[in-house]
Amino acid sequence: MRRNLTCIECPTGCTITATLEDRTIVDLEGFGCRKGYDYATSEINHPERILTTTVPARGLSVKMIPVRTSGPIPKDSLRHAMCEIRQLIVCHPVEVGDVLLADLLGLGVDLVATRRVV
């Protein structure tokens, strides 16, 4: 099986073709640098994403606060993370980088505010 990926590690955007046998990479072609190789390997073996979303605010200057995870989380955990985040309501002022939810799903990443809200 062949899988095409577009590398997002630099502006070049190399098109990488991975050849897989039984979900194992047997060949990678088209990467222009080591970052492309590492990206393709990670994307196929263990895809991760930084989750960005908003959480509701009560009694503050805005109704929604933009947030993101402090690091990438496994792609297959995104739905579970959103279920936990949906339970959060912020009722106090926050600064950029304030942790709103520590150790999300036990994955070792925090949910942090990306905007100052008073």
Protein backbone atom coordinates (compact mmCIF):
# COMPACT_ATOMS: atom_id res chain seq x y z
CA MET A 1 0.00 0.00 0.00
CA ARG A 2 1.22 3.52 -0.78
CA ARG A 3 0.33 6.64 1.19
CA ASN A 4 1.04 10.23 0.15
CA LEU A 5 1.73 12.93 2.75
CA THR A 6 2.52 16.61 2.47
CA CYS A 7 5.18 17.56 4.97
CA ILE A 8 4.26 20.52 7.21
CA GLU A 9 7.61 20.96 8.95
CA CYS A 10 8.88 23.77 6.70
CA PRO A 11 7.56 25.99 3.88
CA THR A 12 8.83 23.63 1.17
CA GLY A 13 5.90 21.24 1.68
CA CYS A 14 7.54 18.14 0.23
CA THR A 15 5.24 15.42 -1.05
CA ILE A 16 6.33 12.23 0.67
CA THR A 17 5.30 8.80 -0.54
CA ALA A 18 5.36 6.02 2.02
CA THR A 19 5.20 2.38 1.03
CA LEU A 20 3.60 0.24 3.73
CA GLU A 21 3.34 -3.50 4.26
CA ASP A 22 1.16 -4.65 7.17
CA ARG A 23 1.15 -1.06 8.55
CA THR A 24 4.96 -1.03 8.61
CA ILE A 25 6.96 1.50 6.59
CA VAL A 26 9.19 -0.27 4.09
CA ASP A 27 10.15 2.81 2.02
CA LEU A 28 9.90 6.62 2.15
CA GLU A 29 10.47 8.81 -0.90
CA GLY A 30 10.25 12.54 -1.59
CA PHE A 31 11.41 14.07 1.69
CA GLY A 32 13.91 16.89 1.28
CA CYS A 33 15.42 16.81 4.75
CA ARG A 34 15.57 14.88 8.00
CA LYS A 35 12.55 16.80 9.34
CA GLY A 36 10.46 15.44 6.46
CA TYR A 37 11.60 11.90 7.16
CA ASP A 38 10.81 12.27 10.88
CA TYR A 39 7.43 13.89 10.14
CA ALA A 40 6.33 11.10 7.79
CA THR A 41 7.48 8.39 10.17
CA SER A 42 5.65 10.00 13.10
CA GLU A 43 2.50 10.71 11.08
CA ILE A 44 2.21 7.09 10.00
CA ASN A 45 3.27 5.36 13.23
CA HIS A 46 1.90 7.72 15.90
CA PRO A 47 -0.02 10.77 14.57
CA GLU A 48 -0.32 13.66 17.03
CA ARG A 49 -1.98 17.07 16.95
CA ILE A 50 -2.05 20.25 19.00
CA LEU A 51 -5.69 20.77 19.94
CA THR A 52 -7.05 24.31 19.66
CA THR A 53 -10.58 25.23 20.67
CA THR A 54 -12.54 27.59 22.91
CA VAL A 55 -14.12 27.28 26.34
CA PRO A 56 -17.06 29.28 27.69
CA ALA A 57 -16.47 32.16 30.08
CA ARG A 58 -18.97 33.46 32.63
CA GLY A 59 -18.89 36.96 34.12
CA LEU A 60 -15.87 38.03 32.06
CA SER A 61 -15.33 40.47 29.18
CA VAL A 62 -15.81 37.76 26.53
CA LYS A 63 -18.11 34.78 26.18
CA MET A 64 -15.47 32.35 24.90
CA ILE A 65 -11.76 31.97 25.72
CA PRO A 66 -9.38 30.56 23.09
CA VAL A 67 -7.29 27.66 24.38
CA ARG A 68 -4.83 25.05 23.15
CA THR A 69 -2.93 22.09 24.47
CA SER A 70 0.60 22.81 25.65
CA GLY A 71 1.88 20.06 23.38
CA PRO A 72 0.68 17.49 20.87
CA ILE A 73 -1.68 14.69 21.87
CA PRO A 74 -2.38 11.43 20.03
CA LYS A 75 -4.82 11.98 17.19
CA ASP A 76 -7.07 9.18 18.44
CA SER A 77 -7.45 11.04 21.79
CA LEU A 78 -8.88 14.24 20.28
CA ARG A 79 -12.55 13.28 20.81
CA HIS A 80 -11.96 12.20 24.40
CA ALA A 81 -10.06 15.42 25.08
CA MET A 82 -12.93 17.49 23.68
CA CYS A 83 -15.42 15.66 25.90
CA GLU A 84 -13.36 16.65 28.95
CA ILE A 85 -12.83 20.22 27.73
CA ARG A 86 -16.58 20.70 27.12
CA GLN A 87 -17.16 20.37 30.86
CA LEU A 88 -14.97 23.41 31.60
CA ILE A 89 -16.41 26.88 32.29
CA VAL A 90 -14.01 29.68 33.25
CA CYS A 91 -15.31 32.21 35.77
CA HIS A 92 -12.08 34.02 36.70
CA PRO A 93 -9.64 36.30 34.83
CA VAL A 94 -6.89 34.51 32.92
CA GLU A 95 -3.56 35.46 31.39
CA VAL A 96 -1.96 33.98 28.29
CA GLY A 97 -0.42 30.65 29.26
CA ASP A 98 -2.53 30.09 32.37
CA VAL A 99 -3.29 26.40 32.84
CA LEU A 100 -7.05 25.85 32.74
CA LEU A 101 -6.91 22.06 32.84
CA ALA A 102 -3.78 20.26 34.02
CA ASP A 103 -2.58 16.92 32.62
CA LEU A 104 -5.40 16.51 30.10
CA LEU A 105 -6.45 12.83 29.98
CA GLY A 106 -3.25 11.93 31.82
CA LEU A 107 -1.29 12.64 28.64
CA GLY A 108 1.18 15.01 30.27
CA VAL A 109 -0.09 18.12 28.45
CA ASP A 110 -2.09 21.01 29.86
CA LEU A 111 -4.91 23.05 28.39
CA VAL A 112 -3.74 26.67 28.40
CA ALA A 113 -5.37 30.03 27.67
CA THR A 114 -4.13 31.81 24.54
CA ARG A 115 -5.71 35.18 25.34
CA ARG A 116 -5.81 37.48 28.34
CA VAL A 117 -9.38 37.81 29.61
CA VAL A 118 -10.59 39.93 32.53
